[in-house]
Amino acid sequence: MGLIDLPDPVSIFEHAKTAGLEREVMNSLVSTSYSAWITAMWRSGSSKWAMFIGEGQAMKDAATAMYVSLQQLEVRGFLCLTVPKDLLEADNLARVQTTQLRK
């Protein structure tokens, strides 16, 4: 068990499927998990202690990268991400780039 564990979407779906939950509820569970992780990383990276030890920008960059990566699923209607407004500022999003490899 690491310091920060990302939710495993496959196990969330398997548990939700066996519990008889509908797709909308499963999407809400996954959306909530990822939104919480992104927000926690962003806010932790913005804290004074993180800036003091030099890890603040790395945590903020990780949260931004996660949001940008999952944004494609949000566009398709699979996820509904709720993130802090300051994460969505244009100059912050301009710091990352998505590259898709095709075979």
PDB file of N, CA and C in Angstrom:
ATOM      1  N   MET A   1       0.847  -1.168   0.000  1.00  0.00           N
ATOM      2  CA  MET A   1       0.000   0.000   0.000  1.00  0.00           C
ATOM      3  C   MET A   1       0.890   1.229   0.000  1.00  0.00           C
ATOM      4  N   GLY A   2       0.750   2.074  -1.028  1.00  0.00           N
ATOM      5  CA  GLY A   2       1.575   3.253  -1.164  1.00  0.00           C
ATOM      6  C   GLY A   2       1.011   4.443  -0.407  1.00  0.00           C
ATOM      7  N   LEU A   3       1.743   5.515  -0.495  1.00  0.00           N
ATOM      8  CA  LEU A   3       1.316   6.756   0.145  1.00  0.00           C
ATOM      9  C   LEU A   3       0.021   7.262  -0.485  1.00  0.00           C
ATOM     10  N   ILE A   4      -0.052   7.178  -1.801  1.00  0.00           N
ATOM     11  CA  ILE A   4      -1.262   7.595  -2.519  1.00  0.00           C
ATOM     12  C   ILE A   4      -1.665   6.438  -3.421  1.00  0.00           C
ATOM     13  N   ASP A   5      -2.825   5.872  -3.179  1.00  0.00           N
ATOM     14  CA  ASP A   5      -3.322   4.780  -4.006  1.00  0.00           C
ATOM     15  C   ASP A   5      -4.436   5.293  -4.893  1.00  0.00           C
ATOM     16  N   LEU A   6      -4.282   5.066  -6.192  1.00  0.00           N
ATOM     17  CA  LEU A   6      -5.322   5.453  -7.133  1.00  0.00           C
ATOM     18  C   LEU A   6      -6.424   4.404  -7.119  1.00  0.00           C
ATOM     19  N   PRO A   7      -7.662   4.835  -7.263  1.00  0.00           N
ATOM     20  CA  PRO A   7      -8.749   3.854  -7.312  1.00  0.00           C
ATOM     21  C   PRO A   7      -8.606   2.971  -8.553  1.00  0.00           C
ATOM     22  N   ASP A   8      -8.902   1.720  -8.386  1.00  0.00           N
ATOM     23  CA  ASP A   8      -8.846   0.776  -9.495  1.00  0.00           C
ATOM     24  C   ASP A   8     -10.233   0.700 -10.129  1.00  0.00           C
ATOM     25  N   PRO A   9     -10.400   1.293 -11.333  1.00  0.00           N
ATOM     26  CA  PRO A   9     -11.732   1.331 -11.939  1.00  0.00           C
ATOM     27  C   PRO A   9     -12.303  -0.059 -12.228  1.00  0.00           C
ATOM     28  N   VAL A  10     -11.441  -1.022 -12.534  1.00  0.00           N
ATOM     29  CA  VAL A  10     -11.935  -2.371 -12.836  1.00  0.00           C
ATOM     30  C   VAL A  10     -12.598  -2.988 -11.610  1.00  0.00           C
ATOM     31  N   SER A  11     -11.950  -2.874 -10.460  1.00  0.00           N
ATOM     32  CA  SER A  11     -12.547  -3.452  -9.254  1.00  0.00           C
ATOM     33  C   SER A  11     -13.812  -2.696  -8.850  1.00  0.00           C
ATOM     34  N   ILE A  12     -13.840  -1.390  -9.074  1.00  0.00           N
ATOM     35  CA  ILE A  12     -15.056  -0.623  -8.776  1.00  0.00           C
ATOM     36  C   ILE A  12     -16.204  -1.133  -9.633  1.00  0.00           C
ATOM     37  N   PHE A  13     -15.941  -1.344 -10.927  1.00  0.00           N
ATOM     38  CA  PHE A  13     -16.989  -1.848 -11.821  1.00  0.00           C
ATOM     39  C   PHE A  13     -17.433  -3.258 -11.440  1.00  0.00           C
ATOM     40  N   GLU A  14     -16.468  -4.114 -11.082  1.00  0.00           N
ATOM     41  CA  GLU A  14     -16.819  -5.483 -10.709  1.00  0.00           C
ATOM     42  C   GLU A  14     -17.692  -5.503  -9.463  1.00  0.00           C
ATOM     43  N   HIS A  15     -17.330  -4.713  -8.470  1.00  0.00           N
ATOM     44  CA  HIS A  15     -18.129  -4.655  -7.246  1.00  0.00           C
ATOM     45  C   HIS A  15     -19.507  -4.065  -7.515  1.00  0.00           C
ATOM     46  N   ALA A  16     -19.551  -3.037  -8.332  1.00  0.00           N
ATOM     47  CA  ALA A  16     -20.837  -2.408  -8.646  1.00  0.00           C
ATOM     48  C   ALA A  16     -21.719  -3.359  -9.458  1.00  0.00           C
ATOM     49  N   LYS A  17     -21.107  -4.124 -10.357  1.00  0.00           N
ATOM     50  CA  LYS A  17     -21.877  -5.048 -11.183  1.00  0.00           C
ATOM     51  C   LYS A  17     -22.481  -6.167 -10.326  1.00  0.00           C
ATOM     52  N   THR A  18     -21.685  -6.691  -9.415  1.00  0.00           N
ATOM     53  CA  THR A  18     -22.206  -7.760  -8.573  1.00  0.00           C
ATOM     54  C   THR A  18     -23.248  -7.249  -7.585  1.00  0.00           C
ATOM     55  N   ALA A  19     -23.188  -5.975  -7.256  1.00  0.00           N
ATOM     56  CA  ALA A  19     -24.172  -5.396  -6.350  1.00  0.00           C
ATOM     57  C   ALA A  19     -25.452  -5.005  -7.086  1.00  0.00           C
ATOM     58  N   GLY A  20     -25.442  -5.117  -8.403  1.00  0.00           N
ATOM     59  CA  GLY A  20     -26.634  -4.812  -9.171  1.00  0.00           C
ATOM     60  C   GLY A  20     -26.860  -3.328  -9.392  1.00  0.00           C
ATOM     61  N   LEU A  21     -25.811  -2.536  -9.295  1.00  0.00           N
ATOM     62  CA  LEU A  21     -25.963  -1.100  -9.489  1.00  0.00           C
ATOM     63  C   LEU A  21     -26.017  -0.776 -10.980  1.00  0.00           C
ATOM     64  N   GLU A  22     -26.695   0.285 -11.302  1.00  0.00           N
ATOM     65  CA  GLU A  22     -26.816   0.688 -12.694  1.00  0.00           C
ATOM     66  C   GLU A  22     -25.571   1.431 -13.156  1.00  0.00           C
ATOM     67  N   ARG A  23     -25.456   1.578 -14.466  1.00  0.00           N
ATOM     68  CA  ARG A  23     -24.294   2.228 -15.074  1.00  0.00           C
ATOM     69  C   ARG A  23     -24.098   3.653 -14.558  1.00  0.00           C
ATOM     70  N   GLU A  24     -25.155   4.391 -14.378  1.00  0.00           N
ATOM     71  CA  GLU A  24     -25.046   5.775 -13.899  1.00  0.00           C
ATOM     72  C   GLU A  24     -24.418   5.830 -12.509  1.00  0.00           C
ATOM     73  N   VAL A  25     -24.784   4.901 -11.676  1.00  0.00           N
ATOM     74  CA  VAL A  25     -24.233   4.867 -10.328  1.00  0.00           C
ATOM     75  C   VAL A  25     -22.750   4.499 -10.386  1.00  0.00           C
ATOM     76  N   MET A  26     -22.395   3.562 -11.241  1.00  0.00           N
ATOM     77  CA  MET A  26     -20.990   3.177 -11.394  1.00  0.00           C
ATOM     78  C   MET A  26     -20.176   4.365 -11.899  1.00  0.00           C
ATOM     79  N   ASN A  27     -20.721   5.086 -12.885  1.00  0.00           N
ATOM     80  CA  ASN A  27     -20.016   6.260 -13.396  1.00  0.00           C
ATOM     81  C   ASN A  27     -19.837   7.306 -12.303  1.00  0.00           C
ATOM     82  N   SER A  28     -20.839   7.460 -11.460  1.00  0.00           N
ATOM     83  CA  SER A  28     -20.749   8.420 -10.355  1.00  0.00           C
ATOM     84  C   SER A  28     -19.667   8.022  -9.360  1.00  0.00           C
ATOM     85  N   LEU A  29     -19.578   6.729  -9.062  1.00  0.00           N
ATOM     86  CA  LEU A  29     -18.547   6.256  -8.136  1.00  0.00           C
ATOM     87  C   LEU A  29     -17.144   6.505  -8.678  1.00  0.00           C
ATOM     88  N   VAL A  30     -16.940   6.202  -9.948  1.00  0.00           N
ATOM     89  CA  VAL A  30     -15.628   6.408 -10.559  1.00  0.00           C
ATOM     90  C   VAL A  30     -15.331   7.901 -10.654  1.00  0.00           C
ATOM     91  N   SER A  31     -16.323   8.685 -11.059  1.00  0.00           N
ATOM     92  CA  SER A  31     -16.141  10.135 -11.170  1.00  0.00           C
ATOM     93  C   SER A  31     -15.773  10.741  -9.826  1.00  0.00           C
ATOM     94  N   THR A  32     -16.463  10.323  -8.789  1.00  0.00           N
ATOM     95  CA  THR A  32     -16.190  10.843  -7.447  1.00  0.00           C
ATOM     96  C   THR A  32     -14.785  10.483  -6.990  1.00  0.00           C
ATOM     97  N   SER A  33     -14.377   9.265  -7.245  1.00  0.00           N
ATOM     98  CA  SER A  33     -13.039   8.820  -6.833  1.00  0.00           C
ATOM     99  C   SER A  33     -11.950   9.636  -7.521  1.00  0.00           C
ATOM    100  N   TYR A  34     -12.049   9.779  -8.824  1.00  0.00           N
ATOM    101  CA  TYR A  34     -11.033  10.531  -9.551  1.00  0.00           C
ATOM    102  C   TYR A  34     -11.082  12.018  -9.225  1.00  0.00           C
ATOM    103  N   SER A  35     -12.272  12.583  -9.079  1.00  0.00           N
ATOM    104  CA  SER A  35     -12.395  13.999  -8.711  1.00  0.00           C
ATOM    105  C   SER A  35     -11.754  14.259  -7.353  1.00  0.00           C
ATOM    106  N   ALA A  36     -11.977  13.369  -6.407  1.00  0.00           N
ATOM    107  CA  ALA A  36     -11.395  13.515  -5.074  1.00  0.00           C
ATOM    108  C   ALA A  36      -9.877  13.428  -5.124  1.00  0.00           C
ATOM    109  N   TRP A  37      -9.342  12.498  -5.908  1.00  0.00           N
ATOM    110  CA  TRP A  37      -7.894  12.351  -6.014  1.00  0.00           C
ATOM    111  C   TRP A  37      -7.273  13.594  -6.640  1.00  0.00           C
ATOM    112  N   ILE A  38      -7.869  14.074  -7.733  1.00  0.00           N
ATOM    113  CA  ILE A  38      -7.341  15.257  -8.416  1.00  0.00           C
ATOM    114  C   ILE A  38      -7.371  16.464  -7.487  1.00  0.00           C
ATOM    115  N   THR A  39      -8.488  16.664  -6.799  1.00  0.00           N
ATOM    116  CA  THR A  39      -8.624  17.803  -5.897  1.00  0.00           C
ATOM    117  C   THR A  39      -7.644  17.712  -4.732  1.00  0.00           C
ATOM    118  N   ALA A  40      -7.483  16.528  -4.166  1.00  0.00           N
ATOM    119  CA  ALA A  40      -6.550  16.348  -3.046  1.00  0.00           C
ATOM    120  C   ALA A  40      -5.116  16.644  -3.476  1.00  0.00           C
ATOM    121  N   MET A  41      -4.721  16.157  -4.635  1.00  0.00           N
ATOM    122  CA  MET A  41      -3.367  16.420  -5.124  1.00  0.00           C
ATOM    123  C   MET A  41      -3.164  17.907  -5.407  1.00  0.00           C
ATOM    124  N   TRP A  42      -4.171  18.543  -5.998  1.00  0.00           N
ATOM    125  CA  TRP A  42      -4.059  19.959  -6.329  1.00  0.00           C
ATOM    126  C   TRP A  42      -3.951  20.809  -5.064  1.00  0.00           C
ATOM    127  N   ARG A  43      -4.841  20.558  -4.110  1.00  0.00           N
ATOM    128  CA  ARG A  43      -4.837  21.347  -2.872  1.00  0.00           C
ATOM    129  C   ARG A  43      -3.590  21.056  -2.031  1.00  0.00           C
ATOM    130  N   SER A  44      -3.154  19.807  -1.997  1.00  0.00           N
ATOM    131  CA  SER A  44      -1.933  19.482  -1.258  1.00  0.00           C
ATOM    132  C   SER A  44      -0.725  20.162  -1.894  1.00  0.00           C
ATOM    133  N   GLY A  45      -0.707  20.192  -3.212  1.00  0.00           N
ATOM    134  CA  GLY A  45       0.390  20.856  -3.919  1.00  0.00           C
ATOM    135  C   GLY A  45       0.394  22.359  -3.716  1.00  0.00           C
ATOM    136  N   SER A  46      -0.758  22.922  -3.415  1.00  0.00           N
ATOM    137  CA  SER A  46      -0.872  24.366  -3.186  1.00  0.00           C
ATOM    138  C   SER A  46      -0.528  24.761  -1.755  1.00  0.00           C
ATOM    139  N   SER A  47      -0.365  23.788  -0.888  1.00  0.00           N
ATOM    140  CA  SER A  47      -0.127  24.090   0.529  1.00  0.00           C
ATOM    141  C   SER A  47       1.290  24.625   0.754  1.00  0.00           C
ATOM    142  N   LYS A  48       1.447  25.324   1.844  1.00  0.00           N
ATOM    143  CA  LYS A  48       2.740  25.936   2.169  1.00  0.00           C
ATOM    144  C   LYS A  48       3.823  24.886   2.405  1.00  0.00           C
ATOM    145  N   TRP A  49       3.464  23.781   3.083  1.00  0.00           N
ATOM    146  CA  TRP A  49       4.477  22.763   3.371  1.00  0.00           C
ATOM    147  C   TRP A  49       4.994  22.126   2.096  1.00  0.00           C
ATOM    148  N   ALA A  50       4.110  21.901   1.112  1.00  0.00           N
ATOM    149  CA  ALA A  50       4.544  21.280  -0.145  1.00  0.00           C
ATOM    150  C   ALA A  50       5.439  22.228  -0.933  1.00  0.00           C
ATOM    151  N   MET A  51       5.100  23.504  -0.918  1.00  0.00           N
ATOM    152  CA  MET A  51       5.935  24.486  -1.598  1.00  0.00           C
ATOM    153  C   MET A  51       7.290  24.599  -0.895  1.00  0.00           C
ATOM    154  N   PHE A  52       7.274  24.494   0.431  1.00  0.00           N
ATOM    155  CA  PHE A  52       8.508  24.609   1.210  1.00  0.00           C
ATOM    156  C   PHE A  52       9.477  23.474   0.887  1.00  0.00           C
ATOM    157  N   ILE A  53       8.964  22.243   0.774  1.00  0.00           N
ATOM    158  CA  ILE A  53       9.860  21.112   0.499  1.00  0.00           C
ATOM    159  C   ILE A  53      10.125  20.934  -0.995  1.00  0.00           C
ATOM    160  N   GLY A  54       9.466  21.731  -1.827  1.00  0.00           N
ATOM    161  CA  GLY A  54       9.740  21.700  -3.258  1.00  0.00           C
ATOM    162  C   GLY A  54       8.907  20.715  -4.058  1.00  0.00           C
ATOM    163  N   GLU A  55       7.936  20.094  -3.439  1.00  0.00           N
ATOM    164  CA  GLU A  55       7.108  19.116  -4.139  1.00  0.00           C
ATOM    165  C   GLU A  55       5.757  19.676  -4.579  1.00  0.00           C
ATOM    166  N   GLY A  56       5.490  20.921  -4.242  1.00  0.00           N
ATOM    167  CA  GLY A  56       4.188  21.507  -4.538  1.00  0.00           C
ATOM    168  C   GLY A  56       3.857  21.518  -6.014  1.00  0.00           C
ATOM    169  N   GLN A  57       4.783  22.006  -6.834  1.00  0.00           N
ATOM    170  CA  GLN A  57       4.504  22.082  -8.271  1.00  0.00           C
ATOM    171  C   GLN A  57       4.384  20.691  -8.880  1.00  0.00           C
ATOM    172  N   ALA A  58       5.141  19.737  -8.395  1.00  0.00           N
ATOM    173  CA  ALA A  58       5.042  18.364  -8.914  1.00  0.00           C
ATOM    174  C   ALA A  58       3.663  17.767  -8.625  1.00  0.00           C
ATOM    175  N   MET A  59       3.141  18.037  -7.429  1.00  0.00           N
ATOM    176  CA  MET A  59       1.807  17.528  -7.078  1.00  0.00           C
ATOM    177  C   MET A  59       0.732  18.210  -7.925  1.00  0.00           C
ATOM    178  N   LYS A  60       0.892  19.507  -8.147  1.00  0.00           N
ATOM    179  CA  LYS A  60      -0.070  20.234  -8.973  1.00  0.00           C
ATOM    180  C   LYS A  60      -0.002  19.756 -10.425  1.00  0.00           C
ATOM    181  N   ASP A  61       1.206  19.496 -10.909  1.00  0.00           N
ATOM    182  CA  ASP A  61       1.363  18.980 -12.269  1.00  0.00           C
ATOM    183  C   ASP A  61       0.745  17.588 -12.414  1.00  0.00           C
ATOM    184  N   ALA A  62       0.894  16.760 -11.382  1.00  0.00           N
ATOM    185  CA  ALA A  62       0.294  15.421 -11.418  1.00  0.00           C
ATOM    186  C   ALA A  62      -1.227  15.511 -11.473  1.00  0.00           C
ATOM    187  N   ALA A  63      -1.799  16.418 -10.697  1.00  0.00           N
ATOM    188  CA  ALA A  63      -3.253  16.598 -10.706  1.00  0.00           C
ATOM    189  C   ALA A  63      -3.726  17.110 -12.063  1.00  0.00           C
ATOM    190  N   THR A  64      -2.977  18.039 -12.637  1.00  0.00           N
ATOM    191  CA  THR A  64      -3.343  18.585 -13.952  1.00  0.00           C
ATOM    192  C   THR A  64      -3.249  17.509 -15.027  1.00  0.00           C
ATOM    193  N   ALA A  65      -2.185  16.715 -14.981  1.00  0.00           N
ATOM    194  CA  ALA A  65      -2.022  15.639 -15.969  1.00  0.00           C
ATOM    195  C   ALA A  65      -3.144  14.612 -15.859  1.00  0.00           C
ATOM    196  N   MET A  66      -3.530  14.286 -14.647  1.00  0.00           N
ATOM    197  CA  MET A  66      -4.633  13.339 -14.450  1.00  0.00           C
ATOM    198  C   MET A  66      -5.922  13.905 -15.022  1.00  0.00           C
ATOM    199  N   TYR A  67      -6.192  15.178 -14.752  1.00  0.00           N
ATOM    200  CA  TYR A  67      -7.410  15.799 -15.260  1.00  0.00           C
ATOM    201  C   TYR A  67      -7.424  15.808 -16.790  1.00  0.00           C
ATOM    202  N   VAL A  68      -6.317  16.222 -17.396  1.00  0.00           N
ATOM    203  CA  VAL A  68      -6.254  16.287 -18.859  1.00  0.00           C
ATOM    204  C   VAL A  68      -6.411  14.897 -19.467  1.00  0.00           C
ATOM    205  N   SER A  69      -5.825  13.886 -18.842  1.00  0.00           N
ATOM    206  CA  SER A  69      -5.947  12.510 -19.346  1.00  0.00           C
ATOM    207  C   SER A  69      -7.375  11.995 -19.262  1.00  0.00           C
ATOM    208  N   LEU A  70      -8.054  12.314 -18.171  1.00  0.00           N
ATOM    209  CA  LEU A  70      -9.424  11.824 -17.986  1.00  0.00           C
ATOM    210  C   LEU A  70     -10.473  12.690 -18.673  1.00  0.00           C
ATOM    211  N   GLN A  71     -10.061  13.835 -19.164  1.00  0.00           N
ATOM    212  CA  GLN A  71     -11.001  14.754 -19.804  1.00  0.00           C
ATOM    213  C   GLN A  71     -11.640  14.120 -21.043  1.00  0.00           C
ATOM    214  N   GLN A  72     -10.930  13.241 -21.728  1.00  0.00           N
ATOM    215  CA  GLN A  72     -11.503  12.561 -22.898  1.00  0.00           C
ATOM    216  C   GLN A  72     -12.704  11.709 -22.514  1.00  0.00           C
ATOM    217  N   LEU A  73     -12.639  11.070 -21.347  1.00  0.00           N
ATOM    218  CA  LEU A  73     -13.776  10.288 -20.880  1.00  0.00           C
ATOM    219  C   LEU A  73     -14.932  11.187 -20.460  1.00  0.00           C
ATOM    220  N   GLU A  74     -14.592  12.389 -19.988  1.00  0.00           N
ATOM    221  CA  GLU A  74     -15.631  13.344 -19.613  1.00  0.00           C
ATOM    222  C   GLU A  74     -16.367  13.847 -20.856  1.00  0.00           C
ATOM    223  N   VAL A  75     -15.617  14.093 -21.929  1.00  0.00           N
ATOM    224  CA  VAL A  75     -16.214  14.559 -23.178  1.00  0.00           C
ATOM    225  C   VAL A  75     -17.176  13.504 -23.742  1.00  0.00           C
ATOM    226  N   ARG A  76     -16.837  12.251 -23.576  1.00  0.00           N
ATOM    227  CA  ARG A  76     -17.686  11.153 -24.081  1.00  0.00           C
ATOM    228  C   ARG A  76     -18.874  10.858 -23.187  1.00  0.00           C
ATOM    229  N   GLY A  77     -18.978  11.542 -22.063  1.00  0.00           N
ATOM    230  CA  GLY A  77     -20.113  11.357 -21.171  1.00  0.00           C
ATOM    231  C   GLY A  77     -19.946  10.225 -20.177  1.00  0.00           C
ATOM    232  N   PHE A  78     -18.748   9.682 -20.079  1.00  0.00           N
ATOM    233  CA  PHE A  78     -18.522   8.583 -19.146  1.00  0.00           C
ATOM    234  C   PHE A  78     -18.260   9.096 -17.739  1.00  0.00           C
ATOM    235  N   LEU A  79     -17.448  10.153 -17.634  1.00  0.00           N
ATOM    236  CA  LEU A  79     -17.114  10.726 -16.334  1.00  0.00           C
ATOM    237  C   LEU A  79     -17.694  12.128 -16.206  1.00  0.00           C
ATOM    238  N   CYS A  80     -17.833  12.554 -14.977  1.00  0.00           N
ATOM    239  CA  CYS A  80     -18.211  13.933 -14.672  1.00  0.00           C
ATOM    240  C   CYS A  80     -17.239  14.393 -13.590  1.00  0.00           C
ATOM    241  N   LEU A  81     -16.169  15.055 -14.016  1.00  0.00           N
ATOM    242  CA  LEU A  81     -15.118  15.452 -13.093  1.00  0.00           C
ATOM    243  C   LEU A  81     -15.427  16.807 -12.466  1.00  0.00           C
ATOM    244  N   THR A  82     -15.223  16.905 -11.171  1.00  0.00           N
ATOM    245  CA  THR A  82     -15.395  18.145 -10.430  1.00  0.00           C
ATOM    246  C   THR A  82     -14.046  18.504  -9.836  1.00  0.00           C
ATOM    247  N   VAL A  83     -13.473  19.596 -10.333  1.00  0.00           N
ATOM    248  CA  VAL A  83     -12.127  19.988  -9.922  1.00  0.00           C
ATOM    249  C   VAL A  83     -12.110  21.461  -9.533  1.00  0.00           C
ATOM    250  N   PRO A  84     -11.079  21.900  -8.805  1.00  0.00           N
ATOM    251  CA  PRO A  84     -10.975  23.306  -8.422  1.00  0.00           C
ATOM    252  C   PRO A  84     -10.843  24.218  -9.653  1.00  0.00           C
ATOM    253  N   LYS A  85     -11.423  25.403  -9.565  1.00  0.00           N
ATOM    254  CA  LYS A  85     -11.385  26.348 -10.681  1.00  0.00           C
ATOM    255  C   LYS A  85      -9.969  26.754 -11.062  1.00  0.00           C
ATOM    256  N   ASP A  86      -9.104  26.926 -10.069  1.00  0.00           N
ATOM    257  CA  ASP A  86      -7.755  27.366 -10.393  1.00  0.00           C
ATOM    258  C   ASP A  86      -6.964  26.308 -11.164  1.00  0.00           C
ATOM    259  N   LEU A  87      -7.362  25.058 -11.098  1.00  0.00           N
ATOM    260  CA  LEU A  87      -6.743  24.012 -11.910  1.00  0.00           C
ATOM    261  C   LEU A  87      -7.083  24.216 -13.382  1.00  0.00           C
ATOM    262  N   LEU A  88      -8.257  24.780 -13.657  1.00  0.00           N
ATOM    263  CA  LEU A  88      -8.750  24.937 -15.026  1.00  0.00           C
ATOM    264  C   LEU A  88      -8.274  26.213 -15.712  1.00  0.00           C
ATOM    265  N   GLU A  89      -7.441  27.003 -15.047  1.00  0.00           N
ATOM    266  CA  GLU A  89      -6.951  28.234 -15.673  1.00  0.00           C
ATOM    267  C   GLU A  89      -6.132  27.891 -16.907  1.00  0.00           C
ATOM    268  N   ALA A  90      -6.257  28.740 -17.921  1.00  0.00           N
ATOM    269  CA  ALA A  90      -5.625  28.466 -19.217  1.00  0.00           C
ATOM    270  C   ALA A  90      -4.114  28.291 -19.116  1.00  0.00           C
ATOM    271  N   ASP A  91      -3.434  29.136 -18.320  1.00  0.00           N
ATOM    272  CA  ASP A  91      -1.984  29.007 -18.244  1.00  0.00           C
ATOM    273  C   ASP A  91      -1.561  27.736 -17.522  1.00  0.00           C
ATOM    274  N   ASN A  92      -2.392  27.210 -16.630  1.00  0.00           N
ATOM    275  CA  ASN A  92      -2.076  25.947 -15.976  1.00  0.00           C
ATOM    276  C   ASN A  92      -2.251  24.789 -16.963  1.00  0.00           C
ATOM    277  N   LEU A  93      -3.351  24.777 -17.693  1.00  0.00           N
ATOM    278  CA  LEU A  93      -3.598  23.695 -18.651  1.00  0.00           C
ATOM    279  C   LEU A  93      -2.612  23.736 -19.819  1.00  0.00           C
ATOM    280  N   ALA A  94      -2.075  24.926 -20.123  1.00  0.00           N
ATOM    281  CA  ALA A  94      -1.112  25.048 -21.216  1.00  0.00           C
ATOM    282  C   ALA A  94       0.233  24.411 -20.868  1.00  0.00           C
ATOM    283  N   ARG A  95       0.434  24.106 -19.594  1.00  0.00           N
ATOM    284  CA  ARG A  95       1.701  23.515 -19.145  1.00  0.00           C
ATOM    285  C   ARG A  95       1.816  22.032 -19.499  1.00  0.00           C
ATOM    286  N   VAL A  96       0.722  21.396 -19.862  1.00  0.00           N
ATOM    287  CA  VAL A  96       0.755  19.962 -20.172  1.00  0.00           C
ATOM    288  C   VAL A  96       0.355  19.726 -21.625  1.00  0.00           C
ATOM    289  N   GLN A  97       0.787  18.608 -22.145  1.00  0.00           N
ATOM    290  CA  GLN A  97       0.484  18.248 -23.524  1.00  0.00           C
ATOM    291  C   GLN A  97       0.152  16.771 -23.568  1.00  0.00           C
ATOM    292  N   THR A  98      -0.887  16.440 -24.316  1.00  0.00           N
ATOM    293  CA  THR A  98      -1.265  15.046 -24.479  1.00  0.00           C
ATOM    294  C   THR A  98      -0.801  14.555 -25.833  1.00  0.00           C
ATOM    295  N   THR A  99      -0.122  13.433 -25.830  1.00  0.00           N
ATOM    296  CA  THR A  99       0.353  12.815 -27.060  1.00  0.00           C
ATOM    297  C   THR A  99      -0.241  11.427 -27.151  1.00  0.00           C
ATOM    298  N   GLN A 100      -0.899  11.153 -28.258  1.00  0.00           N
ATOM    299  CA  GLN A 100      -1.505   9.837 -28.431  1.00  0.00           C
ATOM    300  C   GLN A 100      -0.710   9.063 -29.463  1.00  0.00           C
ATOM    301  N   LEU A 101      -0.257   7.894 -29.054  1.00  0.00           N
ATOM    302  CA  LEU A 101       0.503   7.043 -29.977  1.00  0.00           C
ATOM    303  C   LEU A 101      -0.453   6.154 -30.742  1.00  0.00           C
ATOM    304  N   ARG A 102      -0.234   6.068 -32.020  1.00  0.00           N
ATOM    305  CA  ARG A 102      -1.085   5.213 -32.867  1.00  0.00           C
ATOM    306  C   ARG A 102      -0.220   4.168 -33.528  1.00  0.00           C
ATOM    307  N   LYS A 103      -0.766   2.983 -33.665  1.00  0.00           N
ATOM    308  CA  LYS A 103      -0.026   1.884 -34.291  1.00  0.00           C
ATOM    309  C   LYS A 103      -0.173   1.930 -35.786  1.00  0.00           C
TER     310      LYS A 103
END
